[in-house]
Amino acid sequence: MAKGIQTRHVCRECGYETPKWLGKCPGCDAWGTLEESVTITPSKTAIARTNGAATLGLITRAQPTRLTDVPSVALEGRLSAGLTEFDRVLGGGIVPGALILVGGDPGIGKSTLLTQAAGFLANAGGTVLYVSGEESATQIKLRAERLGVASPNILLHNEVDVTLIASTIASERPSVVIIDSIQTMTHPEIDSAAGSVSQVRSCTAMLAQAAKGHGIPIFLVGHVTKEGALAGPRVLEHMVDTVLTFEGDRHYAYRVLRAVKNRFGSTDELGLFEMREEGLAQVANPSEMFLSERSERVTGSCVSPIVEGTRPLLVEVQALCAPSYLASPRRTFSGVDSNRVNLILAVLEKRAGLALAKYDVFVNIAGGVRVDEPSADLAIAVATASNFREIAVNEHTVVAGEVGLGGEVRAVGHMEQRLREAGRMGFKRAIVSARSLAGLSRARLGIEVIGVDNVHQAIDKAFRS
C-alpha cells in the first residue's frame, strides 16, 4: 500500500500538533514540549482501492452491536492478581481486555509488584506473557527466584518490536500480558527513537487494539519524569483504561498504590504494601502501621481519621513551629496540599490569635501517606497550635473536620466509619463538627464524641484531659 510520510511536531503534555516547531505550545502554554513526530498515511489511490474492495465485499468490516446484546462482565468475571490490595485499587480485579498503565519512580517496585502478580496468575492456571525491553531473561529469572516465583506458565519474551509482540499475543493467547516498559517499545514504521511521542503513541495504540481484540488484559510499565509525571505524551493516559501510580520513598519500606484513572472502578481506593527482602507484603492494618512509632505527650502531634475510598485510616499529623530569622519565614509541608495548609495557618492567626507570622512552620503526615481530603484540616490546626503553645494534645483523642475561612468547623462525610476505626484502635475521645453529631449512635461507637463550632473551641477541647 502506497503511503505518505508527514512530519509534525506534537506536544508531549497536551497532544497539540503543529507542522513546524515552536518554543511555546499554543495548546497548553508549556515551553520546550514540542517533539518531532512522523505520521504515515495511505495515499488517495490506496484509500480508493480499499473502499472499492469493501464495496465488493472483499473486506469485511466490523458491524455495530446492540448495547443489550453485549455480555456484562460481573465482578466474579475479573481476574484476581493474588494481592488483595492490588485488586482493591483495580476496582475488584483485572477486567479482561483492559489496558493498565503502572507508573512510579525508578526502583520503587513496579516490576516486583507485577512479577508477584504474574506468579499468582500462573499458579492459578493462567498463562502470563512477560515482555521486557530493559532486562534479559536471566535478570528476570533472578528477580523471580528472589520472590519465590517459579512457574512454567510464565513466558519470557525479550522484544521491543511492537508488531512482533502483537503477533506473539495473537498466537499464544496468554491470560495476561506485561510490557516492561512502554518507553522501550518501537514501531518499525515510525522513524524516530524509542520513547518519543510518536513511538509511545503508536505502540500503545497497537497494544490497545490487541487487548480489546483478544480480550486479554495488558499491563504497561511507564517511566516518570523528574517532576513525578508519567513520561511521554499526555495522550498516553487517555489511551489506557487505568492509570496506577506506585508511590513511596525507596529509602523507606512502605509503598502506596493509587489509581489516578480507572474506567472500571473508583479512583479513591488505596493499596498499602511493605517492601521486604522476599518482595512486597500487604499491610493488613494500615492504621496500626501509621501510628506504630507515635510518641505520646509530644507537642505538635495529632491523630486524624481519614477515608481513602471505602477504607478508614488513622494518620498522625505533625507540626513544628520555630522562630524564624528570615525576612520571609519558611513554610514546608509534606503529605498535604501546601495551599490548604497556608489557608489554615491564616485562619489560626486571624481567628485563633496565634502569631505565626514570625515562625517557620513545618507540617508532615507521618508514614509517607498523602492526605488530600479536607477532614484533616482541623488536625493540622490543632497540631500547629499544640506546638506553638507547647501543650500536648490528649493522647486518646482524634480530631476530624474541615476548617472554613471564618474559623468555623464544617462537617465531613463517613463520620461513623471514622469513629468506629478510632474506637477499634483504642481512642476514647473524638473532636468533630457539631453538625456531625446528628444521626450518630455514640453509644454503639464506644467513643466519646465532642462537637465544636469553631477552631478556637476545638483547640481548647483537644488540650483538656
Protein backbone atom coordinates (compact mmCIF):
# COMPACT_ATOMS: atom_id res chain seq x y z
CA MET A 1 0.00 0.00 0.00
CA ALA A 2 1.46 3.34 -1.01
CA LYS A 3 1.98 5.61 1.94
CA GLY A 4 2.62 9.32 2.55
CA ILE A 5 5.02 10.41 5.28
CA GLN A 6 4.31 13.63 7.15
CA THR A 7 6.49 15.22 9.78
CA ARG A 8 4.68 17.11 12.50
CA HIS A 9 5.54 18.38 15.96
CA VAL A 10 3.42 17.12 18.86
CA CYS A 11 3.26 18.50 22.42
CA ARG A 12 4.09 15.75 24.91
CA GLU A 13 1.89 17.42 27.55
CA CYS A 14 -1.41 18.09 25.76
CA GLY A 15 -1.02 16.44 22.32
CA TYR A 16 -1.27 19.69 20.33
CA GLU A 17 0.03 19.24 16.75
CA THR A 18 1.69 21.80 14.50
CA PRO A 19 3.60 21.40 11.20
CA LYS A 20 6.59 23.40 12.45
CA TRP A 21 8.49 23.53 15.71
CA LEU A 22 7.56 26.21 18.25
CA GLY A 23 9.24 27.07 21.51
CA LYS A 24 5.91 27.51 23.30
CA CYS A 25 2.95 25.17 22.84
CA PRO A 26 -0.20 27.13 21.80
CA GLY A 27 -2.40 24.47 23.41
CA CYS A 28 -1.10 24.42 27.00
CA ASP A 29 1.46 27.29 27.03
CA ALA A 30 4.26 24.91 28.06
CA TRP A 31 7.80 25.67 26.88
CA GLY A 32 10.02 23.17 25.08
CA THR A 33 7.44 20.37 24.92
CA LEU A 34 7.01 20.06 21.14
CA GLU A 35 8.71 16.97 19.72
CA GLU A 36 9.02 15.77 16.14
CA SER A 37 6.57 13.07 15.13
CA VAL A 38 6.39 11.09 11.89
CA THR A 39 2.91 10.21 10.63
CA ILE A 40 2.38 7.61 7.90
CA THR A 41 -0.84 7.97 5.93
CA PRO A 42 -2.06 5.89 2.97
CA SER A 43 -2.23 7.62 -0.39
CA LYS A 44 -5.53 8.60 -2.07
CA THR A 45 -5.13 5.74 -4.53
CA ALA A 46 -4.75 3.21 -1.72
CA ILE A 47 -7.77 4.63 0.10
CA ALA A 48 -9.88 4.42 -3.07
CA ARG A 49 -8.71 0.83 -3.66
CA THR A 50 -9.60 -0.14 -0.08
CA ASN A 51 -13.05 1.46 -0.30
CA GLY A 52 -13.68 -0.30 -3.60
CA ALA A 53 -12.70 -3.67 -2.15
CA ALA A 54 -15.01 -3.11 0.80
CA THR A 55 -17.86 -2.28 -1.58
CA LEU A 56 -17.31 -5.53 -3.47
CA GLY A 57 -17.32 -7.50 -0.23
CA LEU A 58 -13.64 -8.41 -0.35
CA ILE A 59 -13.01 -6.76 3.02
CA THR A 60 -15.22 -7.50 5.99
CA ARG A 61 -15.83 -4.56 8.30
CA ALA A 62 -16.95 -4.79 11.91
CA GLN A 63 -20.66 -4.36 12.36
CA PRO A 64 -22.24 -2.35 15.22
CA THR A 65 -23.60 -4.32 18.16
CA ARG A 66 -26.68 -3.52 20.21
CA LEU A 67 -25.94 -2.50 23.80
CA THR A 68 -28.39 -5.05 25.15
CA ASP A 69 -26.59 -7.84 23.23
CA VAL A 70 -23.18 -7.12 24.80
CA PRO A 71 -22.49 -9.58 27.66
CA SER A 72 -21.87 -7.98 31.05
CA VAL A 73 -18.63 -8.56 32.93
CA ALA A 74 -19.58 -9.24 36.55
CA LEU A 75 -17.19 -8.79 39.44
CA GLU A 76 -16.82 -12.58 39.51
CA GLY A 77 -15.57 -12.48 35.91
CA ARG A 78 -12.50 -10.45 36.80
CA LEU A 79 -9.09 -11.99 37.34
CA SER A 80 -7.52 -11.78 40.77
CA ALA A 81 -3.92 -10.59 40.93
CA GLY A 82 -3.39 -12.56 44.15
CA LEU A 83 -2.85 -9.37 46.17
CA THR A 84 -5.96 -8.04 47.88
CA GLU A 85 -4.56 -4.51 47.98
CA PHE A 86 -3.83 -4.65 44.23
CA ASP A 87 -7.32 -5.93 43.44
CA ARG A 88 -8.87 -3.24 45.62
CA VAL A 89 -7.19 -0.42 43.68
CA LEU A 90 -8.16 -2.03 40.35
CA GLY A 91 -11.80 -1.95 41.43
CA GLY A 92 -12.20 -5.62 42.35
CA GLY A 93 -9.79 -7.39 39.99
CA ILE A 94 -8.40 -7.33 36.46
CA VAL A 95 -11.01 -6.75 33.75
CA PRO A 96 -10.49 -8.85 30.58
CA GLY A 97 -9.23 -6.68 27.72
CA ALA A 98 -8.15 -3.81 29.99
CA LEU A 99 -5.05 -1.74 29.22
CA ILE A 100 -3.45 -0.78 32.55
CA LEU A 101 -0.55 1.67 32.92
CA VAL A 102 1.61 1.35 36.07
CA GLY A 103 3.94 4.29 36.77
CA GLY A 104 6.36 5.15 39.53
CA ASP A 105 9.88 6.29 40.38
CA PRO A 106 12.85 4.10 39.40
CA GLY A 107 13.43 1.33 41.94
CA ILE A 108 10.08 1.83 43.67
CA GLY A 109 8.96 -1.77 42.98
CA LYS A 110 6.84 -1.73 39.81
CA SER A 111 8.48 -4.82 38.30
CA THR A 112 8.41 -6.56 41.68
CA LEU A 113 4.67 -5.97 42.03
CA LEU A 114 3.89 -7.25 38.54
CA THR A 115 6.20 -10.26 38.90
CA GLN A 116 4.42 -11.30 42.09
CA ALA A 117 1.04 -10.87 40.37
CA ALA A 118 2.32 -12.91 37.40
CA GLY A 119 3.37 -15.71 39.75
CA PHE A 120 -0.08 -15.92 41.33
CA LEU A 121 -1.89 -15.84 37.96
CA ALA A 122 0.41 -18.55 36.59
CA ASN A 123 -0.09 -20.76 39.66
CA ALA A 124 -3.85 -20.32 39.27
CA GLY A 125 -3.65 -21.94 35.85
CA GLY A 126 -3.31 -18.93 33.57
CA THR A 127 -0.52 -18.12 31.14
CA VAL A 128 1.41 -14.87 31.58
CA LEU A 129 3.49 -13.33 28.79
CA TYR A 130 6.21 -11.11 30.31
CA VAL A 131 7.75 -8.88 27.62
CA SER A 132 10.84 -6.93 28.66
CA GLY A 133 12.78 -4.40 26.65
CA GLU A 134 15.06 -3.47 29.54
CA GLU A 135 16.06 -6.77 31.19
CA SER A 136 17.34 -10.07 29.87
CA ALA A 137 15.60 -13.35 30.66
CA THR A 138 18.39 -14.14 33.14
CA GLN A 139 17.81 -10.92 35.06
CA ILE A 140 14.07 -11.55 35.24
CA LYS A 141 14.78 -15.10 36.42
CA LEU A 142 16.98 -13.77 39.26
CA ARG A 143 14.19 -11.48 40.46
CA ALA A 144 11.62 -14.26 40.19
CA GLU A 145 13.78 -16.59 42.29
CA ARG A 146 14.16 -13.92 44.96
CA LEU A 147 10.37 -13.50 45.05
CA GLY A 148 9.74 -17.24 45.09
CA VAL A 149 8.05 -17.20 41.66
CA ALA A 150 8.66 -20.32 39.58
CA SER A 151 6.05 -21.49 37.08
CA PRO A 152 6.24 -22.91 33.55
CA ASN A 153 3.15 -20.84 32.71
CA ILE A 154 5.21 -17.63 32.68
CA LEU A 155 6.60 -16.94 29.20
CA LEU A 156 9.55 -14.53 28.95
CA HIS A 157 9.98 -12.58 25.73
CA ASN A 158 12.85 -10.13 25.07
CA GLU A 159 11.48 -8.00 22.25
CA VAL A 160 10.96 -4.29 21.51
CA ASP A 161 9.21 -4.52 18.12
CA VAL A 162 5.54 -3.98 18.94
CA THR A 163 4.35 -5.67 15.74
CA LEU A 164 6.15 -8.89 16.69
CA ILE A 165 4.77 -8.63 20.23
CA ALA A 166 1.23 -8.27 18.88
CA SER A 167 1.81 -11.33 16.69
CA THR A 168 3.04 -13.31 19.71
CA ILE A 169 -0.05 -12.28 21.71
CA ALA A 170 -2.31 -13.44 18.86
CA SER A 171 -0.56 -16.82 18.56
CA GLU A 172 0.00 -17.63 22.26
CA ARG A 173 -3.28 -16.16 23.59
CA PRO A 174 -1.99 -15.67 27.17
CA SER A 175 -4.24 -14.82 30.08
CA VAL A 176 -2.29 -11.63 30.95
CA VAL A 177 0.48 -9.66 29.21
CA ILE A 178 3.08 -7.48 30.97
CA ILE A 179 5.07 -4.93 28.94
CA ASP A 180 8.16 -3.60 30.76
CA SER A 181 8.33 -0.84 29.68
CA ILE A 182 6.26 1.03 27.08
CA GLN A 183 9.06 3.60 26.59
CA THR A 184 11.36 0.88 25.19
CA MET A 185 8.88 -0.37 22.58
CA THR A 186 9.24 0.66 18.93
CA HIS A 187 7.06 0.56 15.82
CA PRO A 188 9.07 -0.36 12.70
CA GLU A 189 7.15 2.09 10.50
CA ILE A 190 7.90 5.08 12.75
CA ASP A 191 11.25 6.70 12.02
CA SER A 192 12.08 8.06 15.48
CA ALA A 193 13.82 6.91 18.64
CA ALA A 194 12.15 4.71 21.26
CA GLY A 195 10.34 6.74 23.90
CA SER A 196 9.44 9.61 21.56
CA VAL A 197 5.90 10.94 21.32
CA SER A 198 5.14 9.19 18.04
CA GLN A 199 6.63 5.85 19.14
CA VAL A 200 4.84 5.74 22.50
CA ARG A 201 1.53 6.71 20.95
CA SER A 202 1.77 4.22 18.07
CA CYS A 203 2.92 1.33 20.28
CA THR A 204 0.18 1.98 22.83
CA ALA A 205 -2.45 2.12 20.09
CA MET A 206 -1.35 -1.27 18.69
CA LEU A 207 -1.28 -2.88 22.13
CA ALA A 208 -4.72 -1.43 22.93
CA GLN A 209 -6.04 -2.99 19.75
CA ALA A 210 -4.55 -6.34 20.75
CA ALA A 211 -6.04 -6.12 24.25
CA LYS A 212 -9.55 -5.24 23.05
CA GLY A 213 -9.49 -7.59 20.08
CA HIS A 214 -8.46 -10.70 22.04
CA GLY A 215 -9.93 -9.78 25.45
CA ILE A 216 -6.50 -10.04 27.09
CA PRO A 217 -5.55 -7.58 29.87
CA ILE A 218 -2.21 -5.87 29.25
CA PHE A 219 -0.09 -4.13 31.90
CA LEU A 220 2.22 -1.36 30.70
CA VAL A 221 5.08 -0.21 32.91
CA GLY A 222 5.67 3.52 32.44
CA HIS A 223 8.63 5.72 33.32
CA VAL A 224 8.19 9.01 35.16
CA THR A 225 9.93 12.35 34.76
CA LYS A 226 11.92 14.10 37.49
CA GLU A 227 8.75 16.04 38.38
CA GLY A 228 6.96 12.73 39.06
CA ALA A 229 4.66 12.85 35.99
CA LEU A 230 4.42 9.93 33.57
CA ALA A 231 6.97 10.28 30.79
CA GLY A 232 5.81 10.53 27.19
CA PRO A 233 2.80 12.29 25.66
CA ARG A 234 -0.14 13.20 27.85
CA VAL A 235 -2.38 11.40 25.38
CA LEU A 236 -0.90 8.11 26.70
CA GLU A 237 -3.02 8.42 29.85
CA HIS A 238 -6.14 8.95 27.72
CA MET A 239 -5.48 5.85 25.61
CA VAL A 240 -5.33 3.40 28.53
CA ASP A 241 -8.21 2.23 30.72
CA THR A 242 -6.47 2.51 34.10
CA VAL A 243 -3.53 4.55 35.35
CA LEU A 244 -1.89 3.36 38.59
CA THR A 245 0.88 5.19 40.42
CA PHE A 246 3.25 3.45 42.82
CA GLU A 247 4.42 5.97 45.41
CA GLY A 248 6.83 5.99 48.30
CA ASP A 249 10.42 6.70 49.17
CA ARG A 250 12.67 3.80 48.22
CA HIS A 251 14.72 4.50 51.37
CA TYR A 252 11.65 3.53 53.43
CA ALA A 253 9.79 0.24 53.49
CA TYR A 254 6.20 1.36 52.81
CA ARG A 255 4.67 1.76 49.35
CA VAL A 256 1.31 3.24 48.34
CA LEU A 257 -0.58 2.21 45.19
CA ARG A 258 -3.18 4.66 43.87
CA ALA A 259 -5.48 4.80 40.85
CA VAL A 260 -5.28 8.12 39.02
CA LYS A 261 -7.74 6.93 36.37
CA ASN A 262 -9.96 3.84 36.39
CA ARG A 263 -12.74 3.11 33.93
CA PHE A 264 -13.79 0.04 35.90
CA GLY A 265 -13.79 1.29 39.49
CA SER A 266 -13.19 4.10 41.93
CA THR A 267 -10.07 6.27 41.93
CA ASP A 268 -10.31 6.83 45.70
CA GLU A 269 -9.02 3.43 46.77
CA LEU A 270 -5.58 2.99 48.29
CA GLY A 271 -3.31 -0.06 48.38
CA LEU A 272 -0.59 -0.33 51.04
CA PHE A 273 2.47 -2.54 50.81
CA GLU A 274 5.68 -3.08 52.72
CA MET A 275 8.85 -3.77 50.77
CA ARG A 276 10.73 -6.73 52.20
CA GLU A 277 13.65 -8.83 51.02
CA GLU A 278 11.28 -11.51 49.74
CA GLY A 279 9.09 -8.96 47.91
CA LEU A 280 6.07 -6.78 48.60
CA ALA A 281 3.90 -7.72 51.58
CA GLN A 282 0.37 -6.41 52.04
CA VAL A 283 -0.32 -4.24 55.08
CA ALA A 284 -3.33 -5.76 56.85
CA ASN A 285 -3.77 -3.00 59.46
CA PRO A 286 -2.76 0.39 57.96
CA SER A 287 -3.86 2.44 60.98
CA GLU A 288 -1.60 0.45 63.28
CA MET A 289 1.25 0.87 60.81
CA PHE A 290 0.91 4.66 60.65
CA LEU A 291 0.68 5.03 64.43
CA SER A 292 3.27 2.40 65.39
CA GLU A 293 6.06 4.92 66.04
CA ARG A 294 3.91 7.69 67.50
CA SER A 295 5.26 9.28 70.69
CA GLU A 296 2.75 10.18 73.39
CA ARG A 297 2.66 13.53 75.18
CA VAL A 298 4.70 15.24 72.46
CA THR A 299 3.60 18.70 71.35
CA GLY A 300 2.68 19.16 67.70
CA SER A 301 1.20 15.70 67.21
CA CYS A 302 -2.47 14.96 66.49
CA VAL A 303 -4.29 11.90 65.10
CA SER A 304 -6.94 12.28 62.42
CA PRO A 305 -9.26 9.62 60.92
CA ILE A 306 -9.36 9.90 57.12
CA VAL A 307 -11.18 7.84 54.49
CA GLU A 308 -9.49 6.57 51.33
CA GLY A 309 -12.18 5.11 49.08
CA THR A 310 -14.07 2.71 51.36
CA ARG A 311 -11.27 2.32 53.91
CA PRO A 312 -10.95 4.44 57.09
CA LEU A 313 -7.37 5.13 58.21
CA LEU A 314 -5.82 6.84 61.21
CA VAL A 315 -2.86 9.08 60.39
CA GLU A 316 -0.61 11.17 62.59
CA VAL A 317 -0.37 14.87 61.70
CA GLN A 318 2.84 16.51 62.91
CA ALA A 319 3.55 20.24 63.13
CA LEU A 320 6.57 22.23 64.21
CA CYS A 321 6.76 25.98 64.83
CA ALA A 322 10.22 27.52 65.22
CA PRO A 323 11.23 31.20 65.48
CA SER A 324 12.39 32.43 62.09
CA TYR A 325 15.43 34.58 61.43
CA LEU A 326 14.47 35.17 57.80
CA ALA A 327 12.54 38.06 56.29
CA SER A 328 10.09 35.53 54.87
CA PRO A 329 9.52 32.61 57.28
CA ARG A 330 9.66 29.16 55.74
CA ARG A 331 6.56 27.07 55.15
CA THR A 332 7.44 23.42 54.44
CA PHE A 333 4.75 20.76 54.08
CA SER A 334 4.91 17.04 53.31
CA GLY A 335 1.94 14.82 52.50
CA VAL A 336 -0.60 17.67 52.36
CA ASP A 337 -1.57 20.39 49.89
CA SER A 338 0.56 23.48 50.56
CA ASN A 339 -2.22 25.90 49.59
CA ARG A 340 -4.59 24.23 52.03
CA VAL A 341 -2.12 24.45 54.92
CA ASN A 342 -1.37 28.11 54.20
CA LEU A 343 -5.11 28.77 54.38
CA ILE A 344 -5.33 27.03 57.77
CA LEU A 345 -2.34 28.99 59.12
CA ALA A 346 -4.02 32.25 58.08
CA VAL A 347 -7.21 31.18 59.90
CA LEU A 348 -5.21 30.36 63.05
CA GLU A 349 -3.57 33.77 63.04
CA LYS A 350 -6.76 35.71 62.35
CA ARG A 351 -9.41 33.69 64.22
CA ALA A 352 -7.46 31.90 66.98
CA GLY A 353 -4.92 34.62 67.83
CA LEU A 354 -1.75 32.61 67.06
CA ALA A 355 1.05 34.96 65.95
CA LEU A 356 2.65 32.69 63.35
CA ALA A 357 3.97 35.44 61.05
CA LYS A 358 7.48 35.30 62.56
CA TYR A 359 7.68 31.49 62.82
CA ASP A 360 8.86 28.83 60.44
CA VAL A 361 6.06 26.25 60.18
CA PHE A 362 6.59 22.63 59.13
CA VAL A 363 3.71 20.17 58.68
CA ASN A 364 4.14 16.47 57.95
CA ILE A 365 1.90 13.41 57.61
CA ALA A 366 3.84 10.57 59.27
CA GLY A 367 4.29 7.31 57.40
CA GLY A 368 4.66 8.73 53.90
CA VAL A 369 0.94 8.77 53.07
CA ARG A 370 -0.59 11.77 51.30
CA VAL A 371 -3.86 13.26 52.56
CA ASP A 372 -6.00 15.14 50.02
CA GLU A 373 -9.38 15.27 51.74
CA PRO A 374 -10.35 18.28 53.92
CA SER A 375 -11.15 16.20 57.04
CA ALA A 376 -7.52 16.61 58.19
CA ASP A 377 -7.85 20.43 58.31
CA LEU A 378 -8.80 20.50 61.97
CA ALA A 379 -5.98 18.11 62.92
CA ILE A 380 -3.46 20.37 61.15
CA ALA A 381 -4.80 23.38 63.05
CA VAL A 382 -4.74 21.57 66.43
CA ALA A 383 -1.23 20.15 65.87
CA THR A 384 0.11 23.59 64.91
CA ALA A 385 -1.50 25.23 67.95
CA SER A 386 -0.16 22.43 70.17
CA ASN A 387 3.45 23.02 69.15
CA PHE A 388 3.09 26.79 69.17
CA ARG A 389 1.71 26.81 72.74
CA GLU A 390 3.91 23.89 73.88
CA ILE A 391 0.88 21.93 75.12
CA ALA A 392 0.45 18.30 74.11
CA VAL A 393 -2.83 17.06 72.69
CA ASN A 394 -4.61 14.42 74.76
CA GLU A 395 -3.14 11.10 73.56
CA HIS A 396 -6.56 9.37 73.49
CA THR A 397 -8.15 11.99 71.21
CA VAL A 398 -8.73 12.04 67.45
CA VAL A 399 -9.74 15.14 65.50
CA ALA A 400 -11.68 15.40 62.22
CA GLY A 401 -13.29 18.34 60.46
CA GLU A 402 -12.98 20.87 57.66
CA VAL A 403 -11.88 24.41 58.54
CA GLY A 404 -13.54 27.36 56.82
CA LEU A 405 -12.15 30.88 56.36
CA GLY A 406 -14.44 32.14 59.10
CA GLY A 407 -12.81 29.77 61.57
CA GLU A 408 -15.86 27.51 61.61
CA VAL A 409 -15.52 23.73 61.73
CA ARG A 410 -17.55 22.07 59.00
CA ALA A 411 -18.88 18.51 58.90
CA VAL A 412 -17.26 15.79 56.76
CA GLY A 413 -18.74 12.57 55.43
CA HIS A 414 -18.43 8.96 56.62
CA MET A 415 -18.10 10.11 60.22
CA GLU A 416 -19.41 6.86 61.70
CA GLN A 417 -16.79 4.84 59.79
CA ARG A 418 -14.04 7.15 61.02
CA LEU A 419 -15.10 6.98 64.65
CA ARG A 420 -15.54 3.21 64.56
CA GLU A 421 -11.95 2.83 63.34
CA ALA A 422 -10.74 5.21 66.07
CA GLY A 423 -12.57 3.17 68.72
CA ARG A 424 -11.10 -0.05 67.35
CA MET A 425 -7.60 1.42 67.75
CA GLY A 426 -8.23 2.29 71.40
CA PHE A 427 -9.02 6.02 71.22
CA LYS A 428 -11.58 7.31 73.71
CA ARG A 429 -12.43 10.85 72.53
CA ALA A 430 -13.20 12.44 69.18
CA ILE A 431 -13.50 16.14 68.38
CA VAL A 432 -15.68 16.78 65.33
CA SER A 433 -18.02 19.41 63.95
CA ALA A 434 -21.18 19.89 65.99
CA ARG A 435 -23.15 19.33 62.77
CA SER A 436 -21.75 15.79 62.53
CA LEU A 437 -23.44 14.72 65.77
CA ALA A 438 -26.85 14.32 64.16
CA GLY A 439 -27.56 10.69 63.39
CA LEU A 440 -24.52 9.29 65.21
CA SER A 441 -25.18 6.34 67.52
CA ARG A 442 -22.48 7.31 70.00
CA ALA A 443 -23.32 4.55 72.45
CA ARG A 444 -22.72 1.91 69.80
CA LEU A 445 -19.43 3.52 68.69
CA GLY A 446 -17.93 3.20 72.15
CA ILE A 447 -16.15 6.55 71.96
CA GLU A 448 -16.92 9.98 73.46
CA VAL A 449 -17.81 12.40 70.66
CA ILE A 450 -17.38 16.14 71.31
CA GLY A 451 -18.94 18.63 68.90
CA VAL A 452 -17.36 22.05 68.30
CA ASP A 453 -18.40 25.04 66.22
CA ASN A 454 -15.07 26.75 65.56
CA VAL A 455 -11.31 26.26 65.65
CA HIS A 456 -10.91 28.07 68.99
CA GLN A 457 -13.25 25.60 70.71
CA ALA A 458 -11.52 22.61 69.07
CA ILE A 459 -8.09 23.71 70.31
CA ASP A 460 -9.44 24.24 73.82
CA LYS A 461 -11.14 20.83 73.94
CA ALA A 462 -8.12 19.00 72.49
CA PHE A 463 -5.80 20.20 75.27
CA ARG A 464 -8.10 19.11 78.10
CA SER A 465 -7.73 15.72 79.79
